[in-house]
C-alpha atoms as a PDB file:
ATOM      1  CA  MET A   1      40.732 126.138 -28.080  1.00  0.00           C
ATOM      2  CA  GLU A   2      39.362 124.087 -30.961  1.00  0.00           C
ATOM      3  CA  LYS A   3      38.029 120.637 -30.161  1.00  0.00           C
ATOM      4  CA  SER A   4      40.444 118.934 -32.572  1.00  0.00           C
ATOM      5  CA  ILE A   5      43.436 120.638 -30.911  1.00  0.00           C
ATOM      6  CA  ILE A   6      42.253 119.570 -27.473  1.00  0.00           C
ATOM      7  CA  GLU A   7      41.801 115.981 -28.651  1.00  0.00           C
ATOM      8  CA  SER A   8      45.262 115.964 -30.220  1.00  0.00           C
ATOM      9  CA  GLU A   9      46.859 117.205 -27.001  1.00  0.00           C
ATOM     10  CA  GLN A  10      44.967 114.615 -24.977  1.00  0.00           C
ATOM     11  CA  LYS A  11      46.145 111.876 -27.330  1.00  0.00           C
ATOM     12  CA  LEU A  12      49.711 113.129 -27.077  1.00  0.00           C
ATOM     13  CA  ASN A  13      49.583 113.197 -23.271  1.00  0.00           C
ATOM     14  CA  LEU A  14      48.133 109.698 -23.146  1.00  0.00           C
ATOM     15  CA  THR A  15      50.863 108.471 -25.479  1.00  0.00           C
ATOM     16  CA  ILE A  16      53.544 109.967 -23.239  1.00  0.00           C
ATOM     17  CA  ASP A  17      52.018 108.335 -20.168  1.00  0.00           C
ATOM     18  CA  LEU A  18      51.745 104.881 -21.773  1.00  0.00           C
ATOM     19  CA  LEU A  19      55.256 105.023 -23.202  1.00  0.00           C
ATOM     20  CA  SER A  20      56.666 105.908 -19.777  1.00  0.00           C
ATOM     21  CA  LYS A  21      55.039 102.788 -18.354  1.00  0.00           C
ATOM     22  CA  ILE A  22      56.215 100.587 -21.243  1.00  0.00           C
ATOM     23  CA  VAL A  23      59.786 101.841 -20.826  1.00  0.00           C
ATOM     24  CA  ARG A  24      59.632 100.916 -17.127  1.00  0.00           C
ATOM     25  CA  VAL A  25      58.531  97.403 -18.065  1.00  0.00           C
ATOM     26  CA  GLY A  26      61.368  97.140 -20.586  1.00  0.00           C
ATOM     27  CA  ASN A  27      63.879  98.310 -17.991  1.00  0.00           C
ATOM     28  CA  SER A  28      62.495  95.823 -15.480  1.00  0.00           C
ATOM     29  CA  ALA A  29      63.102  93.018 -17.959  1.00  0.00           C
ATOM     30  CA  GLN A  30      66.657  94.200 -18.619  1.00  0.00           C
ATOM     31  CA  GLU A  31      67.464  94.105 -14.905  1.00  0.00           C
ATOM     32  CA  LYS A  32      66.891  90.349 -14.996  1.00  0.00           C
ATOM     33  CA  PHE A  33      69.808  89.971 -17.402  1.00  0.00           C
ATOM     34  CA  PRO A  34      72.911  91.331 -15.644  1.00  0.00           C
ATOM     35  CA  GLN A  35      76.219  91.476 -17.469  1.00  0.00           C
ATOM     36  CA  ALA A  36      77.409  87.930 -17.999  1.00  0.00           C
ATOM     37  CA  HIS A  37      78.501  85.489 -20.675  1.00  0.00           C
ATOM     38  CA  TYR A  38      75.373  84.512 -22.590  1.00  0.00           C
ATOM     39  CA  GLU A  39      74.835  82.230 -25.532  1.00  0.00           C
ATOM     40  CA  ILE A  40      75.224  84.400 -28.636  1.00  0.00           C
ATOM     41  CA  ILE A  41      71.561  84.253 -29.670  1.00  0.00           C
ATOM     42  CA  VAL A  42      70.450  85.228 -26.146  1.00  0.00           C
ATOM     43  CA  PHE A  43      73.009  88.043 -26.171  1.00  0.00           C
ATOM     44  CA  VAL A  44      71.549  89.355 -29.445  1.00  0.00           C
ATOM     45  CA  PHE A  45      67.972  89.368 -28.138  1.00  0.00           C
ATOM     46  CA  ILE A  46      69.080  91.153 -24.961  1.00  0.00           C
ATOM     47  CA  GLY A  47      70.639  93.712 -27.287  1.00  0.00           C
ATOM     48  CA  TYR A  48      67.361  94.136 -29.154  1.00  0.00           C
ATOM     49  CA  LEU A  49      65.511  94.566 -25.859  1.00  0.00           C
ATOM     50  CA  GLU A  50      67.959  97.270 -24.765  1.00  0.00           C
ATOM     51  CA  ARG A  51      67.799  99.089 -28.122  1.00  0.00           C
ATOM     52  CA  LEU A  52      64.018  99.063 -28.480  1.00  0.00           C
ATOM     53  CA  THR A  53      63.438 100.130 -24.878  1.00  0.00           C
ATOM     54  CA  ALA A  54      65.979 102.947 -25.208  1.00  0.00           C
ATOM     55  CA  SER A  55      64.389 104.027 -28.494  1.00  0.00           C
ATOM     56  CA  LEU A  56      60.942 104.289 -26.919  1.00  0.00           C
ATOM     57  CA  ASP A  57      62.429 106.222 -24.016  1.00  0.00           C
ATOM     58  CA  SER A  58      64.138 108.634 -26.434  1.00  0.00           C
ATOM     59  CA  ILE A  59      60.974 109.060 -28.516  1.00  0.00           C
ATOM     60  CA  ASN A  60      59.026 109.751 -25.349  1.00  0.00           C
ATOM     61  CA  ILE A  61      61.468 112.448 -24.225  1.00  0.00           C
ATOM     62  CA  LEU A  62      61.070 114.142 -27.603  1.00  0.00           C
ATOM     63  CA  LEU A  63      57.280 113.796 -27.576  1.00  0.00           C
ATOM     64  CA  GLN A  64      57.181 115.756 -24.326  1.00  0.00           C
ATOM     65  CA  GLN A  65      58.475 118.752 -26.304  1.00  0.00           C
ATOM     66  CA  TYR A  66      56.654 117.960 -29.534  1.00  0.00           C
ATOM     67  CA  LYS A  67      53.731 120.331 -29.049  1.00  0.00           C
ATOM     68  CA  ASP A  68      55.984 123.399 -28.684  1.00  0.00           C
ATOM     69  CA  LYS A  69      58.765 122.209 -31.003  1.00  0.00           C
ATOM     70  CA  PRO A  70      57.158 120.306 -33.900  1.00  0.00           C
ATOM     71  CA  TYR A  71      60.436 120.331 -35.841  1.00  0.00           C
ATOM     72  CA  ILE A  72      61.837 117.618 -33.533  1.00  0.00           C
ATOM     73  CA  GLU A  73      59.635 115.211 -35.458  1.00  0.00           C
ATOM     74  CA  THR A  74      62.694 114.794 -37.683  1.00  0.00           C
ATOM     75  CA  SER A  75      64.660 113.334 -34.773  1.00  0.00           C
ATOM     76  CA  ILE A  76      61.739 111.118 -33.802  1.00  0.00           C
ATOM     77  CA  GLY A  77      61.591 109.824 -37.366  1.00  0.00           C
ATOM     78  CA  LEU A  78      65.287 108.939 -37.368  1.00  0.00           C
ATOM     79  CA  ILE A  79      64.889 106.885 -34.187  1.00  0.00           C
ATOM     80  CA  ILE A  80      61.796 105.194 -35.586  1.00  0.00           C
ATOM     81  CA  ARG A  81      63.602 104.268 -38.787  1.00  0.00           C
ATOM     82  CA  ALA A  82      66.296 102.317 -36.913  1.00  0.00           C
ATOM     83  CA  SER A  83      63.753 100.662 -34.624  1.00  0.00           C
ATOM     84  CA  LEU A  84      61.538  99.526 -37.486  1.00  0.00           C
ATOM     85  CA  LEU A  85      64.539  97.857 -39.120  1.00  0.00           C
ATOM     86  CA  ASP A  86      65.227  96.069 -35.830  1.00  0.00           C
ATOM     87  CA  TYR A  87      61.631  94.879 -35.769  1.00  0.00           C
ATOM     88  CA  MET A  88      61.771  93.742 -39.385  1.00  0.00           C
ATOM     89  CA  THR A  89      64.974  91.813 -38.714  1.00  0.00           C
ATOM     90  CA  MET A  90      63.398  89.990 -35.769  1.00  0.00           C
ATOM     91  CA  ALA A  91      60.234  89.255 -37.735  1.00  0.00           C
ATOM     92  CA  TYR A  92      62.347  87.952 -40.611  1.00  0.00           C
ATOM     93  CA  MET A  93      64.346  85.712 -38.268  1.00  0.00           C
ATOM     94  CA  SER A  94      61.202  84.449 -36.560  1.00  0.00           C
ATOM     95  CA  THR A  95      59.881  83.017 -39.828  1.00  0.00           C
ATOM     96  CA  PHE A  96      62.883  80.688 -40.083  1.00  0.00           C
ATOM     97  CA  PHE A  97      62.704  79.804 -36.404  1.00  0.00           C
ATOM     98  CA  SER A  98      59.022  78.897 -36.696  1.00  0.00           C
ATOM     99  CA  ASP A  99      59.765  76.706 -39.706  1.00  0.00           C
ATOM    100  CA  ILE A 100      61.832  74.345 -37.547  1.00  0.00           C
ATOM    101  CA  LYS A 101      59.383  71.469 -37.271  1.00  0.00           C
ATOM    102  CA  SER A 102      61.022  69.539 -34.434  1.00  0.00           C
ATOM    103  CA  LYS A 103      64.274  68.986 -32.551  1.00  0.00           C
ATOM    104  CA  ASP A 104      65.228  66.545 -35.311  1.00  0.00           C
ATOM    105  CA  ASP A 105      64.635  69.048 -38.124  1.00  0.00           C
ATOM    106  CA  THR A 106      68.280  69.471 -39.077  1.00  0.00           C
ATOM    107  CA  GLU A 107      67.469  71.260 -42.332  1.00  0.00           C
ATOM    108  CA  GLY A 108      65.328  73.843 -40.548  1.00  0.00           C
ATOM    109  CA  GLU A 109      67.992  74.382 -37.874  1.00  0.00           C
ATOM    110  CA  ILE A 110      70.685  74.903 -40.505  1.00  0.00           C
ATOM    111  CA  LYS A 111      68.552  77.410 -42.405  1.00  0.00           C
ATOM    112  CA  PHE A 112      67.834  79.413 -39.268  1.00  0.00           C
ATOM    113  CA  GLN A 113      71.505  79.341 -38.261  1.00  0.00           C
ATOM    114  CA  GLU A 114      72.519  80.616 -41.705  1.00  0.00           C
ATOM    115  CA  LYS A 115      70.219  83.622 -41.350  1.00  0.00           C
ATOM    116  CA  PHE A 116      71.379  84.264 -37.793  1.00  0.00           C
ATOM    117  CA  ASN A 117      75.016  84.079 -38.893  1.00  0.00           C
ATOM    118  CA  ALA A 118      74.267  86.651 -41.596  1.00  0.00           C
ATOM    119  CA  LEU A 119      72.887  88.957 -38.918  1.00  0.00           C
ATOM    120  CA  ILE A 120      75.969  88.830 -36.705  1.00  0.00           C
ATOM    121  CA  CYS A 121      78.466  89.039 -39.598  1.00  0.00           C
ATOM    122  CA  ASP A 122      76.948  91.946 -41.532  1.00  0.00           C
ATOM    123  CA  GLN A 123      78.627  94.812 -39.658  1.00  0.00           C
ATOM    124  CA  ILE A 124      81.981  93.038 -39.567  1.00  0.00           C
ATOM    125  CA  HIS A 125      81.800  92.507 -43.322  1.00  0.00           C
ATOM    126  CA  ASN A 126      81.125  96.222 -43.877  1.00  0.00           C
ATOM    127  CA  THR A 127      83.955  97.122 -41.513  1.00  0.00           C
ATOM    128  CA  PHE A 128      86.361  95.137 -43.685  1.00  0.00           C
ATOM    129  CA  LYS A 129      85.133  97.045 -46.746  1.00  0.00           C
ATOM    130  CA  TYR A 130      85.775 100.320 -44.944  1.00  0.00           C
ATOM    131  CA  LEU A 131      89.255  99.281 -43.816  1.00  0.00           C
ATOM    132  CA  LYS A 132      90.230  98.249 -47.342  1.00  0.00           C
ATOM    133  CA  LEU A 133      88.990 101.564 -48.719  1.00  0.00           C
ATOM    134  CA  THR A 134      90.816 103.687 -46.138  1.00  0.00           C
ATOM    135  CA  LYS A 135      94.036 101.707 -46.609  1.00  0.00           C
ATOM    136  CA  SER A 136      93.903 102.050 -50.399  1.00  0.00           C
ATOM    137  CA  SER A 137      93.271 105.794 -49.944  1.00  0.00           C
ATOM    138  CA  ASN A 138      96.278 106.069 -47.620  1.00  0.00           C
ATOM    139  CA  LEU A 139      94.139 107.285 -44.724  1.00  0.00           C
ATOM    140  CA  ILE A 140      95.531 104.488 -42.575  1.00  0.00           C
ATOM    141  CA  SER A 141      98.806 102.600 -42.723  1.00  0.00           C
ATOM    142  CA  GLN A 142      99.259  98.900 -43.415  1.00  0.00           C
ATOM    143  CA  GLU A 143     100.115  98.490 -39.749  1.00  0.00           C
ATOM    144  CA  ASP A 144      96.892 100.192 -38.652  1.00  0.00           C
ATOM    145  CA  TYR A 145      94.939  98.093 -41.135  1.00  0.00           C
ATOM    146  CA  ASN A 146      96.458  94.846 -39.862  1.00  0.00           C
ATOM    147  CA  SER A 147      95.807  95.844 -36.256  1.00  0.00           C
ATOM    148  CA  ALA A 148      92.135  96.599 -36.993  1.00  0.00           C
ATOM    149  CA  ILE A 149      91.683  93.245 -38.739  1.00  0.00           C
ATOM    150  CA  GLU A 150      93.299  91.447 -35.809  1.00  0.00           C
ATOM    151  CA  ASN A 151      90.996  93.238 -33.349  1.00  0.00           C
ATOM    152  CA  CYS A 152      87.964  92.072 -35.318  1.00  0.00           C
ATOM    153  CA  TYR A 153      89.178  88.478 -35.115  1.00  0.00           C
ATOM    154  CA  LYS A 154      89.889  88.850 -31.400  1.00  0.00           C
ATOM    155  CA  ASN A 155      86.674  90.613 -30.374  1.00  0.00           C
ATOM    156  CA  TYR A 156      84.296  88.665 -32.638  1.00  0.00           C
ATOM    157  CA  HIS A 157      85.988  85.273 -32.819  1.00  0.00           C
ATOM    158  CA  PHE A 158      82.572  83.557 -32.940  1.00  0.00           C
ATOM    159  CA  ALA A 159      81.968  85.102 -36.371  1.00  0.00           C
ATOM    160  CA  PHE A 160      84.977  83.436 -38.020  1.00  0.00           C
ATOM    161  CA  ILE A 161      85.525  79.910 -39.272  1.00  0.00           C
ATOM    162  CA  ASP A 162      88.952  79.768 -37.570  1.00  0.00           C
ATOM    163  CA  ASP A 163      91.493  82.008 -35.851  1.00  0.00           C
ATOM    164  CA  GLN A 164      93.971  82.197 -38.718  1.00  0.00           C
ATOM    165  CA  VAL A 165      93.968  85.860 -39.770  1.00  0.00           C
ATOM    166  CA  ASP A 166      93.647  86.569 -43.491  1.00  0.00           C
ATOM    167  CA  TYR A 167      94.728  90.175 -44.004  1.00  0.00           C
ATOM    168  CA  ASP A 168      94.092  90.300 -47.739  1.00  0.00           C
ATOM    169  CA  HIS A 169      90.611  88.753 -47.763  1.00  0.00           C
ATOM    170  CA  PRO A 170      89.375  88.747 -44.143  1.00  0.00           C
ATOM    171  CA  GLU A 171      85.717  88.610 -45.245  1.00  0.00           C
ATOM    172  CA  GLN A 172      86.284  85.114 -46.630  1.00  0.00           C
ATOM    173  CA  LYS A 173      86.914  83.860 -43.100  1.00  0.00           C
ATOM    174  CA  LEU A 174      83.469  84.951 -41.869  1.00  0.00           C
ATOM    175  CA  ILE A 175      80.986  82.180 -41.113  1.00  0.00           C
ATOM    176  CA  CYS A 176      78.568  83.907 -43.476  1.00  0.00           C
ATOM    177  CA  THR A 177      79.165  86.083 -46.534  1.00  0.00           C
ATOM    178  CA  LYS A 178      75.580  86.276 -47.862  1.00  0.00           C
ATOM    179  CA  PHE A 179      73.444  89.117 -46.566  1.00  0.00           C
ATOM    180  CA  VAL A 180      69.847  90.251 -46.964  1.00  0.00           C
ATOM    181  CA  SER A 181      68.419  93.684 -47.718  1.00  0.00           C
ATOM    182  CA  PRO A 182      65.335  95.261 -46.122  1.00  0.00           C
ATOM    183  CA  ARG A 183      63.529  94.470 -49.369  1.00  0.00           C
ATOM    184  CA  ASP A 184      64.451  90.793 -49.000  1.00  0.00           C
ATOM    185  CA  MET A 185      63.166  90.882 -45.431  1.00  0.00           C
ATOM    186  CA  PHE A 186      59.870  92.393 -46.549  1.00  0.00           C
ATOM    187  CA  THR A 187      59.387  89.726 -49.202  1.00  0.00           C
ATOM    188  CA  ARG A 188      59.916  86.965 -46.670  1.00  0.00           C
ATOM    189  CA  ILE A 189      57.749  88.654 -44.012  1.00  0.00           C
ATOM    190  CA  HIS A 190      54.951  89.291 -46.501  1.00  0.00           C
ATOM    191  CA  ASN A 191      54.940  85.765 -47.885  1.00  0.00           C
ATOM    192  CA  HIS A 192      55.127  83.893 -44.587  1.00  0.00           C
ATOM    193  CA  PRO A 193      51.837  83.062 -42.810  1.00  0.00           C
ATOM    194  CA  LEU A 194      53.311  83.868 -39.388  1.00  0.00           C
ATOM    195  CA  THR A 195      54.240  87.456 -40.272  1.00  0.00           C
ATOM    196  CA  LYS A 196      52.164  88.450 -43.305  1.00  0.00           C
ATOM    197  CA  LYS A 197      49.832  90.591 -41.191  1.00  0.00           C
ATOM    198  CA  TYR A 198      52.827  92.691 -40.087  1.00  0.00           C
ATOM    199  CA  SER A 199      54.269  93.337 -43.541  1.00  0.00           C
ATOM    200  CA  LYS A 200      52.985  96.938 -43.637  1.00  0.00           C
ATOM    201  CA  VAL A 201      55.879  97.772 -41.350  1.00  0.00           C
ATOM    202  CA  TYR A 202      57.940  97.971 -44.531  1.00  0.00           C
ATOM    203  CA  ASP A 203      55.846 100.909 -45.759  1.00  0.00           C
ATOM    204  CA  LEU A 204      56.631 102.839 -42.566  1.00  0.00           C
ATOM    205  CA  TYR A 205      60.282 101.855 -42.747  1.00  0.00           C
ATOM    206  CA  ILE A 206      60.595 103.135 -46.327  1.00  0.00           C
ATOM    207  CA  TYR A 207      58.828 106.352 -45.348  1.00  0.00           C
ATOM    208  CA  TYR A 208      61.182 107.086 -42.462  1.00  0.00           C
ATOM    209  CA  SER A 209      64.236 106.016 -44.448  1.00  0.00           C
ATOM    210  CA  LYS A 210      63.791 109.276 -46.331  1.00  0.00           C
ATOM    211  CA  TYR A 211      64.515 111.113 -43.087  1.00  0.00           C
ATOM    212  CA  GLU A 212      68.043 109.713 -43.056  1.00  0.00           C
ATOM    213  CA  HIS A 213      69.282 112.167 -45.663  1.00  0.00           C
ATOM    214  CA  TYR A 214      67.811 115.235 -47.309  1.00  0.00           C
ATOM    215  CA  GLY A 215      66.106 114.641 -50.641  1.00  0.00           C
ATOM    216  CA  ILE A 216      63.439 116.217 -52.849  1.00  0.00           C
ATOM    217  CA  MET A 217      60.635 114.554 -50.864  1.00  0.00           C
ATOM    218  CA  THR A 218      61.986 115.205 -47.375  1.00  0.00           C
ATOM    219  CA  HIS A 219      60.722 118.755 -46.884  1.00  0.00           C
ATOM    220  CA  PHE A 220      57.150 117.919 -47.902  1.00  0.00           C
ATOM    221  CA  MET A 221      57.043 114.749 -45.814  1.00  0.00           C
ATOM    222  CA  GLN A 222      58.177 116.543 -42.689  1.00  0.00           C
ATOM    223  CA  ASN A 223      55.670 119.368 -43.002  1.00  0.00           C
ATOM    224  CA  GLN A 224      52.351 117.542 -43.207  1.00  0.00           C
ATOM    225  CA  GLY A 225      51.095 118.881 -39.895  1.00  0.00           C
ATOM    226  CA  PHE A 226      50.651 117.414 -36.430  1.00  0.00           C
ATOM    227  CA  ASP A 227      47.775 115.030 -37.152  1.00  0.00           C
ATOM    228  CA  ASN A 228      49.377 113.264 -40.106  1.00  0.00           C
ATOM    229  CA  ASN A 229      52.826 113.086 -38.557  1.00  0.00           C
ATOM    230  CA  PHE A 230      51.601 112.022 -35.128  1.00  0.00           C
ATOM    231  CA  SER A 231      49.317 109.316 -36.529  1.00  0.00           C
ATOM    232  CA  ARG A 232      52.285 107.826 -38.375  1.00  0.00           C
ATOM    233  CA  ILE A 233      54.393 107.995 -35.222  1.00  0.00           C
ATOM    234  CA  ILE A 234      51.702 106.077 -33.329  1.00  0.00           C
ATOM    235  CA  LEU A 235      51.552 103.364 -35.999  1.00  0.00           C
ATOM    236  CA  SER A 236      55.323 103.005 -35.894  1.00  0.00           C
ATOM    237  CA  ILE A 237      55.496 102.831 -32.109  1.00  0.00           C
ATOM    238  CA  LYS A 238      53.066  99.923 -32.174  1.00  0.00           C
ATOM    239  CA  TYR A 239      55.627  97.887 -34.100  1.00  0.00           C
ATOM    240  CA  ILE A 240      58.389  98.879 -31.663  1.00  0.00           C
ATOM    241  CA  ILE A 241      56.235  97.735 -28.737  1.00  0.00           C
ATOM    242  CA  ARG A 242      55.551  94.494 -30.584  1.00  0.00           C
ATOM    243  CA  GLY A 243      59.293  94.134 -31.024  1.00  0.00           C
ATOM    244  CA  ILE A 244      59.828  94.376 -27.272  1.00  0.00           C
ATOM    245  CA  GLY A 245      57.162  91.707 -26.875  1.00  0.00           C
ATOM    246  CA  ALA A 246      59.083  89.493 -29.293  1.00  0.00           C
ATOM    247  CA  THR A 247      62.228  89.793 -27.163  1.00  0.00           C
ATOM    248  CA  PHE A 248      60.172  88.890 -24.074  1.00  0.00           C
ATOM    249  CA  ALA A 249      58.811  85.807 -25.825  1.00  0.00           C
ATOM    250  CA  PHE A 250      62.292  84.582 -26.693  1.00  0.00           C
ATOM    251  CA  LEU A 251      64.057  85.505 -23.451  1.00  0.00           C
ATOM    252  CA  ASP A 252      61.233  84.174 -21.260  1.00  0.00           C
ATOM    253  CA  ASN A 253      61.908  80.557 -22.180  1.00  0.00           C
ATOM    254  CA  PRO A 254      62.156  78.142 -20.524  1.00  0.00           C
ATOM    255  CA  LYS A 255      61.912  79.499 -16.976  1.00  0.00           C
ATOM    256  CA  ASP A 256      59.124  82.108 -17.141  1.00  0.00           C
ATOM    257  CA  LYS A 257      61.698  84.701 -16.126  1.00  0.00           C
ATOM    258  CA  LEU A 258      59.676  87.537 -17.664  1.00  0.00           C
ATOM    259  CA  ILE A 259      56.157  86.330 -16.926  1.00  0.00           C
ATOM    260  CA  GLU A 260      55.224  89.477 -14.989  1.00  0.00           C
ATOM    261  CA  GLU A 261      56.712  91.819 -17.593  1.00  0.00           C
ATOM    262  CA  LYS A 262      54.840  89.978 -20.351  1.00  0.00           C
ATOM    263  CA  LYS A 263      51.539  90.466 -18.521  1.00  0.00           C
ATOM    264  CA  GLN A 264      52.170  94.164 -17.998  1.00  0.00           C
ATOM    265  CA  LEU A 265      53.281  94.721 -21.580  1.00  0.00           C
ATOM    266  CA  ASN A 266      50.201  92.953 -22.963  1.00  0.00           C
ATOM    267  CA  ILE A 267      47.936  95.269 -20.963  1.00  0.00           C
ATOM    268  CA  LEU A 268      49.818  98.401 -22.004  1.00  0.00           C
ATOM    269  CA  GLU A 269      50.015  97.302 -25.638  1.00  0.00           C
ATOM    270  CA  GLU A 270      46.247  96.830 -25.687  1.00  0.00           C
ATOM    271  CA  LYS A 271      45.716 100.309 -24.259  1.00  0.00           C
ATOM    272  CA  PHE A 272      48.154 101.778 -26.765  1.00  0.00           C
ATOM    273  CA  GLY A 273      46.251 100.057 -29.561  1.00  0.00           C
ATOM    274  CA  GLU A 274      43.184 102.133 -28.651  1.00  0.00           C
ATOM    275  CA  LEU A 275      44.989 105.349 -29.639  1.00  0.00           C
ATOM    276  CA  SER A 276      44.547 104.858 -33.395  1.00  0.00           C
END
């Protein structure tokens, strides 16, 4: 067997081993947050922790078959794409959080809250667009439409300015109607001193976004061979691991609830960094 092939297999096996350990750390952290009523921002970061840990677990399951089934790199890329957007969103939010100068910085608090509100309202806003389209296309009845709008108000009451249902223009009752694109996130991440060094995540995100649907570039991108594809996977996973670390940093305060998990993750992240 050629030396390069042996080295690639060794790197793959080491990656699988490290990811298994990182997933265990992520699961350990999740166990410290049983189902309960949490403040909305804490709830969101628990959600990110669950998503990123599950994504690494899924990637790891696929990597265990990668050597014999290289075509599953497509599925790995799709998972990575979603995870990189999660990381970018957290990095984007962290820039506004870090800009809050003190407990008395009302302007900074308001700015951060605006961006956070945009995060929690985005999917609801798009749901309203979908409901209007399906109603106008006669795919659903007025009764079904009204019921769906009411359910949104009921299930996500925290995202509305009041509980008076507006069936015609429900989006106008959201606490935020201004949303940001991944490009906007990149611009902010790249220009902020806290996150500038992580702005290359956008390059990976754009790359894997092309996996989401077939296009003229897709075939060539997905057939570059093990070394090129695997190296890009490794670079992407580093951001996902960093994302888990970001959730630890937020959820750890103020009681050092995740102090042991943070120590373990730091060690594993350092070892993973040696793979490149």
